Amino acid sequence: MTPVLVVDDDLTYAESCAELIIRRAGLEAMATDSSDVALSAVSDARIEVAVLDQRMPQMLGTELLRKMREINPLVRAIMLSAEATPEEVGEGYDLFNGYLPKSRISNLPDKVMREYAAYQSSLAVPVASGRLLASSRKYLVFGPRTNYRLMGIEILDSSLIDEATWESYLQLDAGEERSYVQTRSGTRKSTVERESHDSLNASLEVSILEDLTAKLDSTLEQVSKRSTELELSASESFERKVSLPAEPSDMSQVYVKSRHLSRTPIFVRFRALVAKQCACCGKVTVLPLIIRRYSGFYATRHEDHLSDGRVNFVDTGKVRV
C-alpha cells in the first residue's frame, strides 16, 4: 500500500518531495509528473493523501483533485505551488485540505501526517474496549473524558541509525596498543519523533503523549524482539585489546596515523495508530505516532585517518551495549 501520492510537472522535484515524506513522516509515497498516472494510482492503489502542484501543463491541480474525488471522495489533498494566482489559492482553500508554498517545503511531512491522520479518522469506528489510557480534564467530575486505544503497530525500520549520533569512544595512534572494558547496559525507552510530536501538539497534551508512549512500551518491546535476529551471550562486560601498526620506515608509504573506534545506538522505528475517542459524544480521531525505541544494540565502525589526509570508514558490525 502506498498512501501518499505527489504530483508535479517536475518529476525530479516530485521524487524529492516523496523521499522527504518517506524519510521524515515514515509513510510510503510515490511520485509522478503525469495526471493519467495519478488517476490510475488513485484507482489501483489506496491513495489517502495527494500532494498536487497547482500549475501543471496537462491539468490544473484543482481539476485533477476533482477527478480524484470522483474515484475516492475521501482522499485528502494538499496544494503545493510556487506560481498559483490568488484566485487559484482561494479556489484551492474551498477544495483542498491544505496549502503549502514550495518555499516552505520542509513543512510538507508535518502537513502530510495531519492529513493522513484525518483520513484514518474518517474510516474509524467507535472503540469502547481495550483502552490504553483514559484522561480527564480538571473541570470534569463525571469521569474520563477521552479514551485511547491501540489500533495497530507497524515496524518502519528495524535498524535505524542517526548519523548525527556517532561518537568516538577510543582513539589509537600508530604503534599504540590499548585495552578497554565495555559494559553492556542501557535503558530501552520509547520516544515520539520530533515531526510526529510537533504534528500532534494540537491534538494531545504533552503529558498525555508521554503517558501513551509509556503505555505502548511493553507492546513495542515484544514487537522489537520478533524483529531481532542477532543472538548474543548474556555476559554483562568484556575486555578487548586493540592495536595499530607502527609508522613504516618508508614514510612515503600511506599508513593509518590514527584510528577512532566509534559507535552509535541502533533504534527500531515504529508507526502506531492510536484511536482517540471522546467519552461524551463518541467521536473517534485516529492519531499516527512515529516512535523510535532503542534496540539494545550499537553499530560500530573504525574511522581511520591516513597519512595522506584521507579518512576511511570501516563497518565493524553491531554489539550489544
C-alpha atoms as a PDB file:
ATOM      1  CA  MET A   1       0.000   0.000   0.000  1.00  0.00           C
ATOM      2  CA  THR A   2       1.252   3.479  -0.914  1.00  0.00           C
ATOM      3  CA  PRO A   3      -0.865   6.029   0.968  1.00  0.00           C
ATOM      4  CA  VAL A   4       0.753   9.242  -0.344  1.00  0.00           C
ATOM      5  CA  LEU A   5       0.962  10.500  -3.934  1.00  0.00           C
ATOM      6  CA  VAL A   6       2.991  13.526  -5.084  1.00  0.00           C
ATOM      7  CA  VAL A   7       2.192  15.045  -8.490  1.00  0.00           C
ATOM      8  CA  ASP A   8       4.349  17.775 -10.057  1.00  0.00           C
ATOM      9  CA  ASP A   9       5.262  18.510 -13.664  1.00  0.00           C
ATOM     10  CA  ASP A  10       8.909  18.497 -12.488  1.00  0.00           C
ATOM     11  CA  LEU A  11       9.390  14.767 -11.828  1.00  0.00           C
ATOM     12  CA  THR A  12      12.717  15.265 -10.050  1.00  0.00           C
ATOM     13  CA  TYR A  13      11.068  17.704  -7.645  1.00  0.00           C
ATOM     14  CA  ALA A  14       8.136  15.339  -7.083  1.00  0.00           C
ATOM     15  CA  GLU A  15      10.547  12.494  -6.295  1.00  0.00           C
ATOM     16  CA  SER A  16      12.474  14.646  -3.816  1.00  0.00           C
ATOM     17  CA  CYS A  17       9.186  15.516  -2.063  1.00  0.00           C
ATOM     18  CA  ALA A  18       8.256  11.833  -1.882  1.00  0.00           C
ATOM     19  CA  GLU A  19      11.667  10.997  -0.400  1.00  0.00           C
ATOM     20  CA  LEU A  20      11.211  13.730   2.212  1.00  0.00           C
ATOM     21  CA  ILE A  21       7.837  12.270   3.212  1.00  0.00           C
ATOM     22  CA  ILE A  22       9.223   8.733   3.400  1.00  0.00           C
ATOM     23  CA  ARG A  23      12.222   9.801   5.464  1.00  0.00           C
ATOM     24  CA  ARG A  24      10.529  12.134   7.938  1.00  0.00           C
ATOM     25  CA  ALA A  25       6.892  11.003   8.092  1.00  0.00           C
ATOM     26  CA  GLY A  26       7.509   7.268   7.765  1.00  0.00           C
ATOM     27  CA  LEU A  27       4.824   6.918   5.091  1.00  0.00           C
ATOM     28  CA  GLU A  28       5.318   5.256   1.724  1.00  0.00           C
ATOM     29  CA  ALA A  29       4.992   7.772  -1.088  1.00  0.00           C
ATOM     30  CA  MET A  30       5.093   7.670  -4.876  1.00  0.00           C
ATOM     31  CA  ALA A  31       5.806  10.476  -7.364  1.00  0.00           C
ATOM     32  CA  THR A  32       4.670  11.209 -10.892  1.00  0.00           C
ATOM     33  CA  ASP A  33       4.516  14.071 -13.398  1.00  0.00           C
ATOM     34  CA  SER A  34       1.521  12.591 -15.223  1.00  0.00           C
ATOM     35  CA  SER A  35      -2.144  13.295 -14.455  1.00  0.00           C
ATOM     36  CA  ASP A  36      -3.139   9.990 -16.083  1.00  0.00           C
ATOM     37  CA  VAL A  37      -0.702   8.045 -13.895  1.00  0.00           C
ATOM     38  CA  ALA A  38      -2.005   9.904 -10.841  1.00  0.00           C
ATOM     39  CA  LEU A  39      -5.627   8.971 -11.601  1.00  0.00           C
ATOM     40  CA  SER A  40      -4.626   5.355 -12.213  1.00  0.00           C
ATOM     41  CA  ALA A  41      -2.820   5.310  -8.859  1.00  0.00           C
ATOM     42  CA  VAL A  42      -5.961   6.503  -7.067  1.00  0.00           C
ATOM     43  CA  SER A  43      -7.923   3.732  -8.811  1.00  0.00           C
ATOM     44  CA  ASP A  44      -5.391   0.930  -8.317  1.00  0.00           C
ATOM     45  CA  ALA A  45      -3.688   1.837  -5.035  1.00  0.00           C
ATOM     46  CA  ARG A  46      -5.043   3.034  -1.736  1.00  0.00           C
ATOM     47  CA  ILE A  47      -4.041   6.673  -2.073  1.00  0.00           C
ATOM     48  CA  GLU A  48      -5.095   8.535   1.046  1.00  0.00           C
ATOM     49  CA  VAL A  49      -3.202  11.826   0.717  1.00  0.00           C
ATOM     50  CA  ALA A  50      -2.380  13.605  -2.554  1.00  0.00           C
ATOM     51  CA  VAL A  51       0.150  16.423  -2.796  1.00  0.00           C
ATOM     52  CA  LEU A  52      -0.613  18.294  -6.016  1.00  0.00           C
ATOM     53  CA  ASP A  53       1.173  21.079  -7.850  1.00  0.00           C
ATOM     54  CA  GLN A  54      -1.431  23.619  -8.989  1.00  0.00           C
ATOM     55  CA  ARG A  55       0.186  24.887 -12.207  1.00  0.00           C
ATOM     56  CA  MET A  56       0.758  21.848 -14.447  1.00  0.00           C
ATOM     57  CA  PRO A  57       0.588  21.805 -18.262  1.00  0.00           C
ATOM     58  CA  GLN A  58      -1.655  18.728 -18.515  1.00  0.00           C
ATOM     59  CA  MET A  59      -4.197  19.724 -15.909  1.00  0.00           C
ATOM     60  CA  LEU A  60      -4.519  22.195 -13.035  1.00  0.00           C
ATOM     61  CA  GLY A  61      -4.233  20.712  -9.563  1.00  0.00           C
ATOM     62  CA  THR A  62      -7.805  21.717  -8.706  1.00  0.00           C
ATOM     63  CA  GLU A  63      -9.146  19.931 -11.783  1.00  0.00           C
ATOM     64  CA  LEU A  64      -7.041  16.846 -11.043  1.00  0.00           C
ATOM     65  CA  LEU A  65      -8.315  16.723  -7.468  1.00  0.00           C
ATOM     66  CA  ARG A  66     -11.943  16.847  -8.641  1.00  0.00           C
ATOM     67  CA  LYS A  67     -11.286  13.835 -10.865  1.00  0.00           C
ATOM     68  CA  MET A  68      -9.532  12.031  -7.999  1.00  0.00           C
ATOM     69  CA  ARG A  69     -12.526  12.538  -5.729  1.00  0.00           C
ATOM     70  CA  GLU A  70     -14.819  11.074  -8.342  1.00  0.00           C
ATOM     71  CA  ILE A  71     -12.812   7.879  -7.747  1.00  0.00           C
ATOM     72  CA  ASN A  72     -12.273   8.248  -3.988  1.00  0.00           C
ATOM     73  CA  PRO A  73     -14.335  11.001  -2.317  1.00  0.00           C
ATOM     74  CA  LEU A  74     -12.370  10.647   0.926  1.00  0.00           C
ATOM     75  CA  VAL A  75      -8.896  11.383  -0.467  1.00  0.00           C
ATOM     76  CA  ARG A  76      -7.180  14.254   1.337  1.00  0.00           C
ATOM     77  CA  ALA A  77      -5.177  16.792  -0.662  1.00  0.00           C
ATOM     78  CA  ILE A  78      -2.538  19.477  -0.202  1.00  0.00           C
ATOM     79  CA  MET A  79      -1.990  22.175  -2.828  1.00  0.00           C
ATOM     80  CA  LEU A  80       1.713  22.700  -3.466  1.00  0.00           C
ATOM     81  CA  SER A  81       2.647  25.629  -5.670  1.00  0.00           C
ATOM     82  CA  ALA A  82       5.082  28.458  -6.288  1.00  0.00           C
ATOM     83  CA  GLU A  83       3.111  30.136  -9.071  1.00  0.00           C
ATOM     84  CA  ALA A  84      -0.568  29.833  -8.136  1.00  0.00           C
ATOM     85  CA  THR A  85      -2.581  33.033  -8.537  1.00  0.00           C
ATOM     86  CA  PRO A  86      -4.575  34.452  -5.576  1.00  0.00           C
ATOM     87  CA  GLU A  87      -7.752  33.265  -7.332  1.00  0.00           C
ATOM     88  CA  GLU A  88      -6.371  29.718  -7.630  1.00  0.00           C
ATOM     89  CA  VAL A  89      -5.294  29.706  -3.995  1.00  0.00           C
ATOM     90  CA  GLY A  90      -8.760  30.905  -2.995  1.00  0.00           C
ATOM     91  CA  GLU A  91     -10.393  28.157  -5.022  1.00  0.00           C
ATOM     92  CA  GLY A  92      -7.920  25.713  -3.503  1.00  0.00           C
ATOM     93  CA  TYR A  93      -8.987  26.606   0.030  1.00  0.00           C
ATOM     94  CA  ASP A  94     -12.526  25.526  -0.876  1.00  0.00           C
ATOM     95  CA  LEU A  95     -11.370  22.250  -2.419  1.00  0.00           C
ATOM     96  CA  PHE A  96      -8.037  21.257  -0.889  1.00  0.00           C
ATOM     97  CA  ASN A  97      -7.474  20.354   2.754  1.00  0.00           C
ATOM     98  CA  GLY A  98      -4.302  22.409   2.971  1.00  0.00           C
ATOM     99  CA  TYR A  99      -1.990  24.720   1.054  1.00  0.00           C
ATOM    100  CA  LEU A 100       1.811  24.909   1.151  1.00  0.00           C
ATOM    101  CA  PRO A 101       4.058  27.224  -0.888  1.00  0.00           C
ATOM    102  CA  LYS A 102       7.114  25.482  -2.312  1.00  0.00           C
ATOM    103  CA  SER A 103       9.323  27.885  -0.398  1.00  0.00           C
ATOM    104  CA  ARG A 104       8.240  26.075   2.802  1.00  0.00           C
ATOM    105  CA  ILE A 105       8.690  22.529   1.579  1.00  0.00           C
ATOM    106  CA  SER A 106      10.344  21.456   4.850  1.00  0.00           C
ATOM    107  CA  ASN A 107       6.868  21.616   6.439  1.00  0.00           C
ATOM    108  CA  LEU A 108       5.457  19.070   3.976  1.00  0.00           C
ATOM    109  CA  PRO A 109       5.937  15.898   6.123  1.00  0.00           C
ATOM    110  CA  ASP A 110       4.075  17.528   9.017  1.00  0.00           C
ATOM    111  CA  LYS A 111       1.148  18.537   6.787  1.00  0.00           C
ATOM    112  CA  VAL A 112       1.028  15.082   5.189  1.00  0.00           C
ATOM    113  CA  MET A 113       0.914  13.431   8.624  1.00  0.00           C
ATOM    114  CA  ARG A 114      -2.008  15.622   9.651  1.00  0.00           C
ATOM    115  CA  GLU A 115      -3.978  14.728   6.517  1.00  0.00           C
ATOM    116  CA  TYR A 116      -3.086  11.050   6.885  1.00  0.00           C
ATOM    117  CA  ALA A 117      -4.480  11.113  10.444  1.00  0.00           C
ATOM    118  CA  ALA A 118      -7.619  12.892   9.195  1.00  0.00           C
ATOM    119  CA  TYR A 119      -8.121  10.214   6.527  1.00  0.00           C
ATOM    120  CA  GLN A 120      -7.756   7.438   9.109  1.00  0.00           C
ATOM    121  CA  SER A 121     -10.244   9.229  11.341  1.00  0.00           C
ATOM    122  CA  SER A 122     -12.783   9.305   8.506  1.00  0.00           C
ATOM    123  CA  LEU A 123     -12.629   5.495   8.400  1.00  0.00           C
ATOM    124  CA  ALA A 124     -12.597   4.923  12.146  1.00  0.00           C
ATOM    125  CA  VAL A 125     -15.438   3.299  14.051  1.00  0.00           C
ATOM    126  CA  PRO A 126     -16.209   3.868  17.738  1.00  0.00           C
ATOM    127  CA  VAL A 127     -13.967   1.946  20.136  1.00  0.00           C
ATOM    128  CA  ALA A 128     -15.024   1.088  23.633  1.00  0.00           C
ATOM    129  CA  SER A 129     -12.684  -1.584  24.993  1.00  0.00           C
ATOM    130  CA  GLY A 130      -9.031  -2.448  25.326  1.00  0.00           C
ATOM    131  CA  ARG A 131      -8.095   1.130  26.029  1.00  0.00           C
ATOM    132  CA  LEU A 132      -4.503   2.207  26.548  1.00  0.00           C
ATOM    133  CA  LEU A 133      -5.292   5.276  28.594  1.00  0.00           C
ATOM    134  CA  ALA A 134      -8.125   7.394  29.916  1.00  0.00           C
ATOM    135  CA  SER A 135      -7.692  11.120  30.531  1.00  0.00           C
ATOM    136  CA  SER A 136      -9.892  13.715  32.191  1.00  0.00           C
ATOM    137  CA  ARG A 137      -9.952  17.488  32.447  1.00  0.00           C
ATOM    138  CA  LYS A 138      -9.907  19.188  35.855  1.00  0.00           C
ATOM    139  CA  TYR A 139     -13.329  20.700  35.290  1.00  0.00           C
ATOM    140  CA  LEU A 140     -14.924  17.318  34.554  1.00  0.00           C
ATOM    141  CA  VAL A 141     -16.212  15.485  37.612  1.00  0.00           C
ATOM    142  CA  PHE A 142     -18.054  12.644  35.880  1.00  0.00           C
ATOM    143  CA  GLY A 143     -15.053  10.509  34.981  1.00  0.00           C
ATOM    144  CA  PRO A 144     -12.726  10.175  32.000  1.00  0.00           C
ATOM    145  CA  ARG A 145     -13.444  12.372  29.026  1.00  0.00           C
ATOM    146  CA  THR A 146     -11.211  10.669  26.455  1.00  0.00           C
ATOM    147  CA  ASN A 147     -10.193   7.046  25.901  1.00  0.00           C
ATOM    148  CA  TYR A 148      -7.216   5.900  23.816  1.00  0.00           C
ATOM    149  CA  ARG A 149      -6.948   2.507  22.132  1.00  0.00           C
ATOM    150  CA  LEU A 150      -4.143   0.990  20.087  1.00  0.00           C
ATOM    151  CA  MET A 151      -5.329   0.083  16.570  1.00  0.00           C
ATOM    152  CA  GLY A 152      -2.078  -1.287  15.180  1.00  0.00           C
ATOM    153  CA  ILE A 153       1.716  -1.150  15.109  1.00  0.00           C
ATOM    154  CA  GLU A 154       3.976  -1.376  12.074  1.00  0.00           C
ATOM    155  CA  ILE A 155       7.785  -1.578  12.008  1.00  0.00           C
ATOM    156  CA  LEU A 156       9.142   1.024   9.604  1.00  0.00           C
ATOM    157  CA  ASP A 157      12.845   0.354  10.193  1.00  0.00           C
ATOM    158  CA  SER A 158      14.352  -2.336  12.430  1.00  0.00           C
ATOM    159  CA  SER A 159      17.898  -0.908  12.207  1.00  0.00           C
ATOM    160  CA  LEU A 160      17.588   2.872  12.277  1.00  0.00           C
ATOM    161  CA  ILE A 161      20.858   4.795  12.672  1.00  0.00           C
ATOM    162  CA  ASP A 162      21.045   8.550  13.183  1.00  0.00           C
ATOM    163  CA  GLU A 163      24.307   9.635  11.550  1.00  0.00           C
ATOM    164  CA  ALA A 164      24.495  12.648  13.859  1.00  0.00           C
ATOM    165  CA  THR A 165      24.848  10.411  16.953  1.00  0.00           C
ATOM    166  CA  TRP A 166      28.125   8.652  16.085  1.00  0.00           C
ATOM    167  CA  GLU A 167      30.627   9.091  18.927  1.00  0.00           C
ATOM    168  CA  SER A 168      34.275   8.085  19.323  1.00  0.00           C
ATOM    169  CA  TYR A 169      34.944   6.062  22.485  1.00  0.00           C
ATOM    170  CA  LEU A 170      38.615   5.144  21.890  1.00  0.00           C
ATOM    171  CA  GLN A 171      41.479   6.601  19.856  1.00  0.00           C
ATOM    172  CA  LEU A 172      44.682   4.825  18.836  1.00  0.00           C
ATOM    173  CA  ASP A 173      47.775   6.361  17.309  1.00  0.00           C
ATOM    174  CA  ALA A 174      50.222   4.497  15.081  1.00  0.00           C
ATOM    175  CA  GLY A 175      52.216   1.924  17.073  1.00  0.00           C
ATOM    176  CA  GLU A 176      49.920   2.071  20.110  1.00  0.00           C
ATOM    177  CA  GLU A 177      48.202  -0.822  21.892  1.00  0.00           C
ATOM    178  CA  ARG A 178      45.386  -0.320  24.373  1.00  0.00           C
ATOM    179  CA  SER A 179      42.888  -2.350  26.366  1.00  0.00           C
ATOM    180  CA  TYR A 180      39.410  -1.288  27.362  1.00  0.00           C
ATOM    181  CA  VAL A 181      36.414  -2.783  29.137  1.00  0.00           C
ATOM    182  CA  GLN A 182      32.996  -2.443  27.560  1.00  0.00           C
ATOM    183  CA  THR A 183      29.970  -2.807  29.812  1.00  0.00           C
ATOM    184  CA  ARG A 184      26.636  -3.858  28.442  1.00  0.00           C
ATOM    185  CA  SER A 185      23.942  -1.602  29.795  1.00  0.00           C
ATOM    186  CA  GLY A 186      21.279   0.748  28.600  1.00  0.00           C
ATOM    187  CA  THR A 187      17.683   1.757  29.078  1.00  0.00           C
ATOM    188  CA  ARG A 188      15.187   0.914  26.379  1.00  0.00           C
ATOM    189  CA  LYS A 189      12.773   3.793  26.256  1.00  0.00           C
ATOM    190  CA  SER A 190      10.340   4.746  23.530  1.00  0.00           C
ATOM    191  CA  THR A 191      10.281   8.334  22.294  1.00  0.00           C
ATOM    192  CA  VAL A 192       7.988  10.069  19.826  1.00  0.00           C
ATOM    193  CA  GLU A 193       9.950  11.541  16.911  1.00  0.00           C
ATOM    194  CA  ARG A 194      10.092  15.318  16.578  1.00  0.00           C
ATOM    195  CA  GLU A 195       7.994  15.580  13.410  1.00  0.00           C
ATOM    196  CA  SER A 196       5.273  13.342  14.842  1.00  0.00           C
ATOM    197  CA  HIS A 197       5.392  15.169  18.175  1.00  0.00           C
ATOM    198  CA  ASP A 198       5.030  18.581  16.523  1.00  0.00           C
ATOM    199  CA  SER A 199       2.139  17.446  14.326  1.00  0.00           C
ATOM    200  CA  LEU A 200       0.222  16.141  17.365  1.00  0.00           C
ATOM    201  CA  ASN A 201       0.643  19.222  19.535  1.00  0.00           C
ATOM    202  CA  ALA A 202      -2.834  20.431  18.623  1.00  0.00           C
ATOM    203  CA  SER A 203      -4.398  17.050  19.409  1.00  0.00           C
ATOM    204  CA  LEU A 204      -2.659  15.897  22.582  1.00  0.00           C
ATOM    205  CA  GLU A 205      -1.285  17.494  25.700  1.00  0.00           C
ATOM    206  CA  VAL A 206       2.392  16.739  26.318  1.00  0.00           C
ATOM    207  CA  SER A 207       1.620  14.763  29.486  1.00  0.00           C
ATOM    208  CA  ILE A 208      -0.928  12.580  27.653  1.00  0.00           C
ATOM    209  CA  LEU A 209       1.507  11.941  24.803  1.00  0.00           C
ATOM    210  CA  GLU A 210       4.156  10.872  27.309  1.00  0.00           C
ATOM    211  CA  ASP A 211       1.691   8.587  29.113  1.00  0.00           C
ATOM    212  CA  LEU A 212       0.608   6.994  25.830  1.00  0.00           C
ATOM    213  CA  THR A 213       4.203   6.322  24.832  1.00  0.00           C
ATOM    214  CA  ALA A 214       4.912   4.738  28.214  1.00  0.00           C
ATOM    215  CA  LYS A 215       1.830   2.527  27.901  1.00  0.00           C
ATOM    216  CA  LEU A 216       2.996   1.356  24.464  1.00  0.00           C
ATOM    217  CA  ASP A 217       6.425   0.353  25.763  1.00  0.00           C
ATOM    218  CA  SER A 218       5.613  -3.266  26.600  1.00  0.00           C
ATOM    219  CA  THR A 219       3.926  -3.849  23.232  1.00  0.00           C
ATOM    220  CA  LEU A 220       6.831  -2.282  21.369  1.00  0.00           C
ATOM    221  CA  GLU A 221       9.247  -4.487  23.334  1.00  0.00           C
ATOM    222  CA  GLN A 222       7.508  -7.630  22.095  1.00  0.00           C
ATOM    223  CA  VAL A 223       7.443  -6.385  18.508  1.00  0.00           C
ATOM    224  CA  SER A 224      11.141  -5.449  18.775  1.00  0.00           C
ATOM    225  CA  LYS A 225      12.066  -8.920  19.975  1.00  0.00           C
ATOM    226  CA  ARG A 226      10.336 -10.515  16.998  1.00  0.00           C
ATOM    227  CA  SER A 227      12.322  -8.299  14.632  1.00  0.00           C
ATOM    228  CA  THR A 228      15.730  -9.037  16.222  1.00  0.00           C
ATOM    229  CA  GLU A 229      17.758 -11.744  14.542  1.00  0.00           C
ATOM    230  CA  LEU A 230      21.124 -11.480  16.318  1.00  0.00           C
ATOM    231  CA  GLU A 231      21.652 -13.668  19.385  1.00  0.00           C
ATOM    232  CA  LEU A 232      24.349 -12.619  21.871  1.00  0.00           C
ATOM    233  CA  SER A 233      25.773 -14.035  25.087  1.00  0.00           C
ATOM    234  CA  ALA A 234      24.438 -12.895  28.428  1.00  0.00           C
ATOM    235  CA  SER A 235      27.792 -11.526  29.622  1.00  0.00           C
ATOM    236  CA  GLU A 236      27.492  -8.049  31.142  1.00  0.00           C
ATOM    237  CA  SER A 237      31.007  -6.859  30.280  1.00  0.00           C
ATOM    238  CA  PHE A 238      34.087  -7.889  28.332  1.00  0.00           C
ATOM    239  CA  GLU A 239      37.651  -6.740  27.801  1.00  0.00           C
ATOM    240  CA  ARG A 240      39.184  -6.051  24.422  1.00  0.00           C
ATOM    241  CA  LYS A 241      42.749  -5.358  23.361  1.00  0.00           C
ATOM    242  CA  VAL A 242      43.312  -3.313  20.220  1.00  0.00           C
ATOM    243  CA  SER A 243      46.465  -2.133  18.476  1.00  0.00           C
ATOM    244  CA  LEU A 244      47.597  -0.158  15.471  1.00  0.00           C
ATOM    245  CA  PRO A 245      50.744  -0.890  13.387  1.00  0.00           C
ATOM    246  CA  ALA A 246      53.684   1.455  13.862  1.00  0.00           C
ATOM    247  CA  GLU A 247      54.713   4.033  11.307  1.00  0.00           C
ATOM    248  CA  PRO A 248      56.527   2.412   8.334  1.00  0.00           C
ATOM    249  CA  SER A 249      60.245   3.042   7.798  1.00  0.00           C
ATOM    250  CA  ASP A 250      59.390   4.317   4.323  1.00  0.00           C
ATOM    251  CA  MET A 251      57.473   7.494   5.111  1.00  0.00           C
ATOM    252  CA  SER A 252      56.279   7.759   1.508  1.00  0.00           C
ATOM    253  CA  GLN A 253      54.041   4.757   2.186  1.00  0.00           C
ATOM    254  CA  VAL A 254      50.459   5.549   3.120  1.00  0.00           C
ATOM    255  CA  TYR A 255      49.601   4.300   6.615  1.00  0.00           C
ATOM    256  CA  VAL A 256      46.998   4.727   9.334  1.00  0.00           C
ATOM    257  CA  LYS A 257      48.105   7.607  11.552  1.00  0.00           C
ATOM    258  CA  SER A 258      45.221   7.255  13.987  1.00  0.00           C
ATOM    259  CA  ARG A 259      42.115   5.145  14.409  1.00  0.00           C
ATOM    260  CA  HIS A 260      38.944   6.224  16.153  1.00  0.00           C
ATOM    261  CA  LEU A 261      36.632   3.461  17.381  1.00  0.00           C
ATOM    262  CA  SER A 262      33.129   4.827  17.100  1.00  0.00           C
ATOM    263  CA  ARG A 263      29.626   3.647  17.914  1.00  0.00           C
ATOM    264  CA  THR A 264      26.042   4.813  17.698  1.00  0.00           C
ATOM    265  CA  PRO A 265      22.771   3.388  19.057  1.00  0.00           C
ATOM    266  CA  ILE A 266      20.511   1.383  16.757  1.00  0.00           C
ATOM    267  CA  PHE A 267      16.804   2.122  17.037  1.00  0.00           C
ATOM    268  CA  VAL A 268      13.649   0.365  15.903  1.00  0.00           C
ATOM    269  CA  ARG A 269      11.249   2.805  14.243  1.00  0.00           C
ATOM    270  CA  PHE A 270       7.507   2.181  14.512  1.00  0.00           C
ATOM    271  CA  ARG A 271       4.276   3.729  13.351  1.00  0.00           C
ATOM    272  CA  ALA A 272       1.476   3.225  15.875  1.00  0.00           C
ATOM    273  CA  LEU A 273      -2.140   4.148  15.135  1.00  0.00           C
ATOM    274  CA  VAL A 274      -3.976   5.213  18.276  1.00  0.00           C
ATOM    275  CA  ALA A 275      -7.720   5.835  18.307  1.00  0.00           C
ATOM    276  CA  LYS A 276      -8.773   8.777  20.460  1.00  0.00           C
ATOM    277  CA  GLN A 277     -12.436   8.595  21.455  1.00  0.00           C
ATOM    278  CA  CYS A 278     -14.454  11.217  23.266  1.00  0.00           C
ATOM    279  CA  ALA A 279     -16.433   9.533  26.042  1.00  0.00           C
ATOM    280  CA  CYS A 280     -19.119  12.218  25.819  1.00  0.00           C
ATOM    281  CA  CYS A 281     -20.015  12.239  22.117  1.00  0.00           C
ATOM    282  CA  GLY A 282     -18.272   9.066  20.873  1.00  0.00           C
ATOM    283  CA  LYS A 283     -16.270  10.895  18.187  1.00  0.00           C
ATOM    284  CA  VAL A 284     -13.156   8.976  17.118  1.00  0.00           C
ATOM    285  CA  THR A 285      -9.917  10.536  15.862  1.00  0.00           C
ATOM    286  CA  VAL A 286      -7.020   8.373  14.689  1.00  0.00           C
ATOM    287  CA  LEU A 287      -3.574   9.628  15.662  1.00  0.00           C
ATOM    288  CA  PRO A 288      -0.452   8.288  13.946  1.00  0.00           C
ATOM    289  CA  LEU A 289       2.576   8.180  16.255  1.00  0.00           C
ATOM    290  CA  ILE A 290       6.065   7.753  14.782  1.00  0.00           C
ATOM    291  CA  ILE A 291       8.065   6.215  17.617  1.00  0.00           C
ATOM    292  CA  ARG A 292      11.673   5.146  17.926  1.00  0.00           C
ATOM    293  CA  ARG A 293      12.925   2.713  20.555  1.00  0.00           C
ATOM    294  CA  TYR A 294      16.477   1.793  21.459  1.00  0.00           C
ATOM    295  CA  SER A 295      17.083  -1.775  20.275  1.00  0.00           C
ATOM    296  CA  GLY A 296      19.750  -2.650  22.828  1.00  0.00           C
ATOM    297  CA  PHE A 297      22.421  -2.722  20.107  1.00  0.00           C
ATOM    298  CA  TYR A 298      25.076  -0.314  18.890  1.00  0.00           C
ATOM    299  CA  ALA A 299      26.524  -0.092  15.399  1.00  0.00           C
ATOM    300  CA  THR A 300      30.326   0.133  15.417  1.00  0.00           C
ATOM    301  CA  ARG A 301      32.935   1.324  12.958  1.00  0.00           C
ATOM    302  CA  HIS A 302      36.579   2.318  12.618  1.00  0.00           C
ATOM    303  CA  GLU A 303      37.399   5.811  11.479  1.00  0.00           C
ATOM    304  CA  ASP A 304      40.927   5.582  10.034  1.00  0.00           C
ATOM    305  CA  HIS A 305      42.854   8.806   9.461  1.00  0.00           C
ATOM    306  CA  LEU A 306      45.510   8.113   6.827  1.00  0.00           C
ATOM    307  CA  SER A 307      48.883   9.782   6.409  1.00  0.00           C
ATOM    308  CA  ASP A 308      47.825  11.277   3.072  1.00  0.00           C
ATOM    309  CA  GLY A 309      44.895  13.118   4.667  1.00  0.00           C
ATOM    310  CA  ARG A 310      42.142  10.735   3.654  1.00  0.00           C
ATOM    311  CA  VAL A 311      39.649   9.263   6.111  1.00  0.00           C
ATOM    312  CA  ASN A 312      38.288   5.728   5.693  1.00  0.00           C
ATOM    313  CA  PHE A 313      35.242   4.361   7.481  1.00  0.00           C
ATOM    314  CA  VAL A 314      35.136   0.614   8.118  1.00  0.00           C
ATOM    315  CA  ASP A 315      31.896  -1.026   9.319  1.00  0.00           C
ATOM    316  CA  THR A 316      32.686  -3.437  12.174  1.00  0.00           C
ATOM    317  CA  GLY A 317      29.181  -4.772  12.821  1.00  0.00           C
ATOM    318  CA  LYS A 318      26.949  -4.341  15.822  1.00  0.00           C
ATOM    319  CA  VAL A 319      27.285  -5.185  19.504  1.00  0.00           C
ATOM    320  CA  ARG A 320      25.012  -5.253  22.482  1.00  0.00           C
ATOM    321  CA  VAL A 321      25.856  -2.396  24.811  1.00  0.00           C
END
